[in-house]
PDB file of all heavy atoms in Angstrom:
ATOM      1  N   ALA A   1      11.027  -9.729 -15.890  1.00  0.00           N
ATOM      2  CA  ALA A   1      11.270 -10.671 -14.815  1.00  0.00           C
ATOM      3  C   ALA A   1      10.290 -11.840 -14.819  1.00  0.00           C
ATOM      4  O   ALA A   1      10.626 -12.951 -14.410  1.00  0.00           O
ATOM      5  CB  ALA A   1      11.184  -9.953 -13.470  1.00  0.00           C
ATOM      6  N   LEU A   2       9.088 -11.619 -15.271  1.00  0.00           N
ATOM      7  CA  LEU A   2       8.093 -12.680 -15.273  1.00  0.00           C
ATOM      8  C   LEU A   2       8.505 -13.852 -16.161  1.00  0.00           C
ATOM      9  O   LEU A   2       8.058 -14.976 -15.967  1.00  0.00           O
ATOM     10  CB  LEU A   2       6.736 -12.148 -15.744  1.00  0.00           C
ATOM     11  CG  LEU A   2       5.995 -11.280 -14.724  1.00  0.00           C
ATOM     12  CD1 LEU A   2       4.777 -10.647 -15.376  1.00  0.00           C
ATOM     13  CD2 LEU A   2       5.588 -12.102 -13.512  1.00  0.00           C
ATOM     14  N   LEU A   3       9.375 -13.587 -17.133  1.00  0.00           N
ATOM     15  CA  LEU A   3       9.779 -14.648 -18.053  1.00  0.00           C
ATOM     16  C   LEU A   3      10.821 -15.560 -17.459  1.00  0.00           C
ATOM     17  O   LEU A   3      10.835 -16.750 -17.746  1.00  0.00           O
ATOM     18  CB  LEU A   3      10.325 -14.025 -19.357  1.00  0.00           C
ATOM     19  CG  LEU A   3       9.330 -13.202 -20.156  1.00  0.00           C
ATOM     20  CD1 LEU A   3      10.024 -12.628 -21.387  1.00  0.00           C
ATOM     21  CD2 LEU A   3       8.152 -14.062 -20.578  1.00  0.00           C
ATOM     22  N   ALA A   4      11.728 -15.020 -16.625  1.00  0.00           N
ATOM     23  CA  ALA A   4      12.838 -15.824 -16.154  1.00  0.00           C
ATOM     24  C   ALA A   4      13.023 -15.792 -14.652  1.00  0.00           C
ATOM     25  O   ALA A   4      13.547 -16.727 -14.071  1.00  0.00           O
ATOM     26  CB  ALA A   4      14.135 -15.362 -16.813  1.00  0.00           C
ATOM     27  N   LEU A   5      12.626 -14.713 -14.003  1.00  0.00           N
ATOM     28  CA  LEU A   5      12.846 -14.561 -12.587  1.00  0.00           C
ATOM     29  C   LEU A   5      11.546 -14.097 -11.937  1.00  0.00           C
ATOM     30  O   LEU A   5      11.408 -12.959 -11.531  1.00  0.00           O
ATOM     31  CB  LEU A   5      13.967 -13.545 -12.334  1.00  0.00           C
ATOM     32  CG  LEU A   5      15.357 -13.954 -12.823  1.00  0.00           C
ATOM     33  CD1 LEU A   5      16.292 -12.764 -12.778  1.00  0.00           C
ATOM     34  CD2 LEU A   5      15.920 -15.074 -11.963  1.00  0.00           C
ATOM     35  N   ALA A   6      10.597 -14.995 -11.823  1.00  0.00           N
ATOM     36  CA  ALA A   6       9.272 -14.626 -11.352  1.00  0.00           C
ATOM     37  C   ALA A   6       9.260 -13.888 -10.018  1.00  0.00           C
ATOM     38  O   ALA A   6       8.536 -12.908  -9.866  1.00  0.00           O
ATOM     39  CB  ALA A   6       8.393 -15.883 -11.254  1.00  0.00           C
ATOM     40  N   PRO A   7      10.082 -14.267  -9.015  1.00  0.00           N
ATOM     41  CA  PRO A   7      10.040 -13.543  -7.748  1.00  0.00           C
ATOM     42  C   PRO A   7      10.433 -12.084  -7.881  1.00  0.00           C
ATOM     43  O   PRO A   7      10.057 -11.249  -7.074  1.00  0.00           O
ATOM     44  CB  PRO A   7      11.060 -14.299  -6.884  1.00  0.00           C
ATOM     45  CG  PRO A   7      11.147 -15.656  -7.502  1.00  0.00           C
ATOM     46  CD  PRO A   7      10.954 -15.422  -8.973  1.00  0.00           C
ATOM     47  N   LEU A   8      11.182 -11.764  -8.916  1.00  0.00           N
ATOM     48  CA  LEU A   8      11.638 -10.393  -9.099  1.00  0.00           C
ATOM     49  C   LEU A   8      10.491  -9.456  -9.416  1.00  0.00           C
ATOM     50  O   LEU A   8      10.559  -8.267  -9.131  1.00  0.00           O
ATOM     51  CB  LEU A   8      12.675 -10.360 -10.222  1.00  0.00           C
ATOM     52  CG  LEU A   8      13.560  -9.116 -10.348  1.00  0.00           C
ATOM     53  CD1 LEU A   8      14.366  -8.927  -9.073  1.00  0.00           C
ATOM     54  CD2 LEU A   8      14.488  -9.265 -11.533  1.00  0.00           C
ATOM     55  N   ALA A   9       9.435  -9.980 -10.004  1.00  0.00           N
ATOM     56  CA  ALA A   9       8.327  -9.121 -10.424  1.00  0.00           C
ATOM     57  C   ALA A   9       7.717  -8.394  -9.238  1.00  0.00           C
ATOM     58  O   ALA A   9       7.359  -7.228  -9.330  1.00  0.00           O
ATOM     59  CB  ALA A   9       7.260  -9.951 -11.131  1.00  0.00           C
ATOM     60  N   THR A  10       7.619  -9.094  -8.105  1.00  0.00           N
ATOM     61  CA  THR A  10       7.043  -8.471  -6.925  1.00  0.00           C
ATOM     62  C   THR A  10       7.992  -7.450  -6.332  1.00  0.00           C
ATOM     63  O   THR A  10       7.609  -6.333  -6.009  1.00  0.00           O
ATOM     64  CB  THR A  10       6.731  -9.546  -5.867  1.00  0.00           C
ATOM     65  OG1 THR A  10       5.786 -10.453  -6.433  1.00  0.00           O
ATOM     66  CG2 THR A  10       6.134  -8.924  -4.624  1.00  0.00           C
ATOM     67  N   SER A  11       9.278  -7.822  -6.225  1.00  0.00           N
ATOM     68  CA  SER A  11      10.214  -6.914  -5.598  1.00  0.00           C
ATOM     69  C   SER A  11      10.538  -5.714  -6.478  1.00  0.00           C
ATOM     70  O   SER A  11      11.050  -4.715  -6.004  1.00  0.00           O
ATOM     71  CB  SER A  11      11.511  -7.654  -5.237  1.00  0.00           C
ATOM     72  OG  SER A  11      12.034  -8.310  -6.360  1.00  0.00           O
ATOM     73  N   ALA A  12      10.264  -5.814  -7.780  1.00  0.00           N
ATOM     74  CA  ALA A  12      10.463  -4.661  -8.660  1.00  0.00           C
ATOM     75  C   ALA A  12       9.348  -3.641  -8.516  1.00  0.00           C
ATOM     76  O   ALA A  12       9.422  -2.558  -9.091  1.00  0.00           O
ATOM     77  CB  ALA A  12      10.555  -5.122 -10.110  1.00  0.00           C
ATOM     78  N   LYS A  13       8.295  -3.987  -7.786  1.00  0.00           N
ATOM     79  CA  LYS A  13       7.218  -3.067  -7.432  1.00  0.00           C
ATOM     80  C   LYS A  13       6.439  -2.553  -8.635  1.00  0.00           C
ATOM     81  O   LYS A  13       5.842  -1.486  -8.571  1.00  0.00           O
ATOM     82  CB  LYS A  13       7.771  -1.891  -6.607  1.00  0.00           C
ATOM     83  CG  LYS A  13       8.447  -2.351  -5.315  1.00  0.00           C
ATOM     84  CD  LYS A  13       8.987  -1.187  -4.524  1.00  0.00           C
ATOM     85  CE  LYS A  13       9.724  -1.681  -3.292  1.00  0.00           C
ATOM     86  NZ  LYS A  13      10.310  -0.578  -2.506  1.00  0.00           N
ATOM     87  N   ASP A  14       6.474  -3.310  -9.729  1.00  0.00           N
ATOM     88  CA  ASP A  14       5.603  -3.029 -10.866  1.00  0.00           C
ATOM     89  C   ASP A  14       5.696  -1.572 -11.313  1.00  0.00           C
ATOM     90  O   ASP A  14       4.758  -0.795 -11.158  1.00  0.00           O
ATOM     91  CB  ASP A  14       4.152  -3.383 -10.503  1.00  0.00           C
ATOM     92  CG  ASP A  14       3.248  -3.317 -11.739  1.00  0.00           C
ATOM     93  OD1 ASP A  14       3.785  -3.421 -12.843  1.00  0.00           O
ATOM     94  OD2 ASP A  14       2.031  -3.160 -11.562  1.00  0.00           O
ATOM     95  N   SER A  15       6.837  -1.192 -11.877  1.00  0.00           N
ATOM     96  CA  SER A  15       7.043   0.184 -12.311  1.00  0.00           C
ATOM     97  C   SER A  15       7.008   0.284 -13.826  1.00  0.00           C
ATOM     98  O   SER A  15       8.009   0.019 -14.495  1.00  0.00           O
ATOM     99  CB  SER A  15       8.394   0.707 -11.797  1.00  0.00           C
ATOM    100  OG  SER A  15       8.689   1.958 -12.368  1.00  0.00           O
ATOM    101  N   PRO A  16       5.860   0.646 -14.409  1.00  0.00           N
ATOM    102  CA  PRO A  16       5.789   0.807 -15.866  1.00  0.00           C
ATOM    103  C   PRO A  16       6.782   1.829 -16.397  1.00  0.00           C
ATOM    104  O   PRO A  16       7.324   1.660 -17.489  1.00  0.00           O
ATOM    105  CB  PRO A  16       4.331   1.262 -16.098  1.00  0.00           C
ATOM    106  CG  PRO A  16       3.591   0.768 -14.905  1.00  0.00           C
ATOM    107  CD  PRO A  16       4.556   0.877 -13.763  1.00  0.00           C
ATOM    108  N   GLN A  17       7.031   2.884 -15.625  1.00  0.00           N
ATOM    109  CA  GLN A  17       7.972   3.907 -16.078  1.00  0.00           C
ATOM    110  C   GLN A  17       9.378   3.334 -16.206  1.00  0.00           C
ATOM    111  O   GLN A  17      10.081   3.574 -17.197  1.00  0.00           O
ATOM    112  CB  GLN A  17       7.972   5.088 -15.100  1.00  0.00           C
ATOM    113  CG  GLN A  17       8.957   6.202 -15.450  1.00  0.00           C
ATOM    114  CD  GLN A  17       8.522   7.036 -16.653  1.00  0.00           C
ATOM    115  OE1 GLN A  17       7.487   6.774 -17.257  1.00  0.00           O
ATOM    116  NE2 GLN A  17       9.307   8.051 -16.981  1.00  0.00           N
ATOM    117  N   ASN A  18       9.797   2.569 -15.208  1.00  0.00           N
ATOM    118  CA  ASN A  18      11.115   1.940 -15.293  1.00  0.00           C
ATOM    119  C   ASN A  18      11.195   0.988 -16.484  1.00  0.00           C
ATOM    120  O   ASN A  18      12.217   0.924 -17.179  1.00  0.00           O
ATOM    121  CB  ASN A  18      11.430   1.167 -14.007  1.00  0.00           C
ATOM    122  CG  ASN A  18      11.990   2.056 -12.909  1.00  0.00           C
ATOM    123  OD1 ASN A  18      12.289   3.228 -13.124  1.00  0.00           O
ATOM    124  ND2 ASN A  18      12.132   1.494 -11.718  1.00  0.00           N
ATOM    125  N   GLU A  19      10.136   0.251 -16.727  1.00  0.00           N
ATOM    126  CA  GLU A  19      10.128  -0.676 -17.853  1.00  0.00           C
ATOM    127  C   GLU A  19      10.293   0.081 -19.175  1.00  0.00           C
ATOM    128  O   GLU A  19      11.036  -0.344 -20.067  1.00  0.00           O
ATOM    129  CB  GLU A  19       8.834  -1.487 -17.864  1.00  0.00           C
ATOM    130  CG  GLU A  19       8.728  -2.475 -16.705  1.00  0.00           C
ATOM    131  CD  GLU A  19       7.455  -3.301 -16.760  1.00  0.00           C
ATOM    132  OE1 GLU A  19       6.684  -3.125 -17.719  1.00  0.00           O
ATOM    133  OE2 GLU A  19       7.248  -4.116 -15.856  1.00  0.00           O
ATOM    134  N   LYS A  20       9.616   1.206 -19.299  1.00  0.00           N
ATOM    135  CA  LYS A  20       9.724   2.005 -20.521  1.00  0.00           C
ATOM    136  C   LYS A  20      11.139   2.567 -20.686  1.00  0.00           C
ATOM    137  O   LYS A  20      11.692   2.579 -21.790  1.00  0.00           O
ATOM    138  CB  LYS A  20       8.708   3.155 -20.489  1.00  0.00           C
ATOM    139  CG  LYS A  20       7.261   2.707 -20.614  1.00  0.00           C
ATOM    140  CD  LYS A  20       6.323   3.896 -20.477  1.00  0.00           C
ATOM    141  CE  LYS A  20       4.868   3.481 -20.531  1.00  0.00           C
ATOM    142  NZ  LYS A  20       3.949   4.629 -20.322  1.00  0.00           N
ATOM    143  N   ILE A  21      11.721   3.039 -19.576  1.00  0.00           N
ATOM    144  CA  ILE A  21      13.071   3.595 -19.644  1.00  0.00           C
ATOM    145  C   ILE A  21      14.067   2.517 -20.047  1.00  0.00           C
ATOM    146  O   ILE A  21      14.932   2.736 -20.914  1.00  0.00           O
ATOM    147  CB  ILE A  21      13.465   4.221 -18.292  1.00  0.00           C
ATOM    148  CG1 ILE A  21      12.649   5.496 -18.054  1.00  0.00           C
ATOM    149  CG2 ILE A  21      14.963   4.546 -18.259  1.00  0.00           C
ATOM    150  CD1 ILE A  21      12.834   6.106 -16.673  1.00  0.00           C
ATOM    151  N   LEU A  22      13.965   1.343 -19.437  1.00  0.00           N
ATOM    152  CA  LEU A  22      14.892   0.264 -19.757  1.00  0.00           C
ATOM    153  C   LEU A  22      14.768  -0.157 -21.217  1.00  0.00           C
ATOM    154  O   LEU A  22      15.773  -0.402 -21.896  1.00  0.00           O
ATOM    155  CB  LEU A  22      14.651  -0.918 -18.825  1.00  0.00           C
ATOM    156  CG  LEU A  22      15.159  -0.710 -17.396  1.00  0.00           C
ATOM    157  CD1 LEU A  22      14.597  -1.757 -16.459  1.00  0.00           C
ATOM    158  CD2 LEU A  22      16.681  -0.734 -17.363  1.00  0.00           C
ATOM    159  N   LYS A  23      13.549  -0.228 -21.710  1.00  0.00           N
ATOM    160  CA  LYS A  23      13.359  -0.567 -23.118  1.00  0.00           C
ATOM    161  C   LYS A  23      13.983   0.493 -24.023  1.00  0.00           C
ATOM    162  O   LYS A  23      14.568   0.180 -25.064  1.00  0.00           O
ATOM    163  CB  LYS A  23      11.861  -0.699 -23.421  1.00  0.00           C
ATOM    164  CG  LYS A  23      11.569  -1.093 -24.868  1.00  0.00           C
ATOM    165  CD  LYS A  23      10.075  -1.219 -25.107  1.00  0.00           C
ATOM    166  CE  LYS A  23       9.789  -1.580 -26.563  1.00  0.00           C
ATOM    167  NZ  LYS A  23       8.330  -1.669 -26.828  1.00  0.00           N
ATOM    168  N   ALA A  24      13.867   1.750 -23.606  1.00  0.00           N
ATOM    169  CA  ALA A  24      14.387   2.860 -24.416  1.00  0.00           C
ATOM    170  C   ALA A  24      15.910   2.898 -24.457  1.00  0.00           C
ATOM    171  O   ALA A  24      16.497   3.580 -25.312  1.00  0.00           O
ATOM    172  CB  ALA A  24      13.852   4.185 -23.877  1.00  0.00           C
ATOM    173  N   THR A  25      16.586   2.178 -23.541  1.00  0.00           N
ATOM    174  CA  THR A  25      18.056   2.164 -23.573  1.00  0.00           C
ATOM    175  C   THR A  25      18.603   1.324 -24.719  1.00  0.00           C
ATOM    176  O   THR A  25      19.777   1.477 -25.086  1.00  0.00           O
ATOM    177  CB  THR A  25      18.636   1.593 -22.255  1.00  0.00           C
ATOM    178  OG1 THR A  25      18.266   0.218 -22.104  1.00  0.00           O
ATOM    179  CG2 THR A  25      18.195   2.405 -21.042  1.00  0.00           C
ATOM    180  N   ASP A  26      17.811   0.455 -25.308  1.00  0.00           N
ATOM    181  CA  ASP A  26      18.327  -0.522 -26.281  1.00  0.00           C
ATOM    182  C   ASP A  26      19.124   0.116 -27.421  1.00  0.00           C
ATOM    183  O   ASP A  26      20.246  -0.305 -27.703  1.00  0.00           O
ATOM    184  CB  ASP A  26      17.177  -1.369 -26.843  1.00  0.00           C
ATOM    185  CG  ASP A  26      16.644  -2.364 -25.828  1.00  0.00           C
ATOM    186  OD1 ASP A  26      17.301  -2.561 -24.796  1.00  0.00           O
ATOM    187  OD2 ASP A  26      15.570  -2.945 -26.078  1.00  0.00           O
ATOM    188  N   PRO A  27      18.570   1.101 -28.139  1.00  0.00           N
ATOM    189  CA  PRO A  27      19.345   1.651 -29.268  1.00  0.00           C
ATOM    190  C   PRO A  27      20.608   2.380 -28.816  1.00  0.00           C
ATOM    191  O   PRO A  27      21.590   2.427 -29.552  1.00  0.00           O
ATOM    192  CB  PRO A  27      18.362   2.614 -29.942  1.00  0.00           C
ATOM    193  CG  PRO A  27      17.353   2.938 -28.911  1.00  0.00           C
ATOM    194  CD  PRO A  27      17.225   1.712 -28.064  1.00  0.00           C
ATOM    195  N   PHE A  28      20.608   2.915 -27.600  1.00  0.00           N
ATOM    196  CA  PHE A  28      21.784   3.625 -27.115  1.00  0.00           C
ATOM    197  C   PHE A  28      22.871   2.639 -26.686  1.00  0.00           C
ATOM    198  O   PHE A  28      24.057   2.931 -26.803  1.00  0.00           O
ATOM    199  CB  PHE A  28      21.409   4.568 -25.972  1.00  0.00           C
ATOM    200  CG  PHE A  28      20.323   5.540 -26.364  1.00  0.00           C
ATOM    201  CD1 PHE A  28      19.273   5.819 -25.521  1.00  0.00           C
ATOM    202  CD2 PHE A  28      20.349   6.154 -27.612  1.00  0.00           C
ATOM    203  CE1 PHE A  28      18.280   6.704 -25.889  1.00  0.00           C
ATOM    204  CE2 PHE A  28      19.357   7.046 -27.998  1.00  0.00           C
ATOM    205  CZ  PHE A  28      18.313   7.327 -27.127  1.00  0.00           C
ATOM    206  N   GLU A  29      22.451   1.495 -26.217  1.00  0.00           N
ATOM    207  CA  GLU A  29      23.397   0.419 -25.947  1.00  0.00           C
ATOM    208  C   GLU A  29      24.097   0.016 -27.239  1.00  0.00           C
ATOM    209  O   GLU A  29      25.332  -0.119 -27.288  1.00  0.00           O
ATOM    210  CB  GLU A  29      22.671  -0.783 -25.348  1.00  0.00           C
ATOM    211  CG  GLU A  29      23.537  -2.016 -25.202  1.00  0.00           C
ATOM    212  CD  GLU A  29      22.720  -3.284 -25.078  1.00  0.00           C
ATOM    213  OE1 GLU A  29      21.498  -3.208 -24.842  1.00  0.00           O
ATOM    214  OE2 GLU A  29      23.318  -4.363 -25.238  1.00  0.00           O
ATOM    215  N   GLY A  30      23.309  -0.180 -28.295  1.00  0.00           N
ATOM    216  CA  GLY A  30      23.887  -0.554 -29.588  1.00  0.00           C
ATOM    217  C   GLY A  30      24.822   0.515 -30.116  1.00  0.00           C
ATOM    218  O   GLY A  30      25.869   0.212 -30.688  1.00  0.00           O
ATOM    219  N   LEU A  31      24.465   1.775 -29.901  1.00  0.00           N
ATOM    220  CA  LEU A  31      25.302   2.886 -30.344  1.00  0.00           C
ATOM    221  C   LEU A  31      26.617   2.885 -29.573  1.00  0.00           C
ATOM    222  O   LEU A  31      27.693   3.127 -30.148  1.00  0.00           O
ATOM    223  CB  LEU A  31      24.556   4.203 -30.129  1.00  0.00           C
ATOM    224  CG  LEU A  31      25.208   5.473 -30.641  1.00  0.00           C
ATOM    225  CD1 LEU A  31      25.448   5.405 -32.140  1.00  0.00           C
ATOM    226  CD2 LEU A  31      24.339   6.685 -30.286  1.00  0.00           C
ATOM    227  N   ALA A  32      26.551   2.603 -28.275  1.00  0.00           N
ATOM    228  CA  ALA A  32      27.756   2.587 -27.451  1.00  0.00           C
ATOM    229  C   ALA A  32      28.710   1.471 -27.861  1.00  0.00           C
ATOM    230  O   ALA A  32      29.917   1.607 -27.736  1.00  0.00           O
ATOM    231  CB  ALA A  32      27.378   2.441 -25.981  1.00  0.00           C
ATOM    232  N   GLU A  33      28.178   0.385 -28.364  1.00  0.00           N
ATOM    233  CA  GLU A  33      28.998  -0.768 -28.745  1.00  0.00           C
ATOM    234  C   GLU A  33      29.585  -0.642 -30.152  1.00  0.00           C
ATOM    235  O   GLU A  33      30.620  -1.229 -30.447  1.00  0.00           O
ATOM    236  CB  GLU A  33      28.163  -2.046 -28.689  1.00  0.00           C
ATOM    237  CG  GLU A  33      27.763  -2.450 -27.285  1.00  0.00           C
ATOM    238  CD  GLU A  33      26.924  -3.722 -27.307  1.00  0.00           C
ATOM    239  OE1 GLU A  33      26.152  -3.911 -28.268  1.00  0.00           O
ATOM    240  OE2 GLU A  33      27.051  -4.512 -26.378  1.00  0.00           O
ATOM    241  N   ALA A  34      28.929   0.118 -30.997  1.00  0.00           N
ATOM    242  CA  ALA A  34      29.234   0.077 -32.433  1.00  0.00           C
ATOM    243  C   ALA A  34      30.644   0.531 -32.768  1.00  0.00           C
ATOM    244  O   ALA A  34      31.255   0.043 -33.717  1.00  0.00           O
ATOM    245  CB  ALA A  34      28.219   0.926 -33.200  1.00  0.00           C
ATOM    246  N   GLY A  35      31.189   1.453 -32.009  1.00  0.00           N
ATOM    247  CA  GLY A  35      32.482   2.040 -32.352  1.00  0.00           C
ATOM    248  C   GLY A  35      33.676   1.147 -32.109  1.00  0.00           C
ATOM    249  O   GLY A  35      34.744   1.372 -32.678  1.00  0.00           O
TER     250      GLY A  35
END
């Protein structure tokens, strides 16, 4: 959010765990699209 939606950073309550989970979805997103 800091890159494009700065106000979102505060309302997202700074959750490192959520950030890690969201990053970890990337390869599964690609897998879901591939077929």
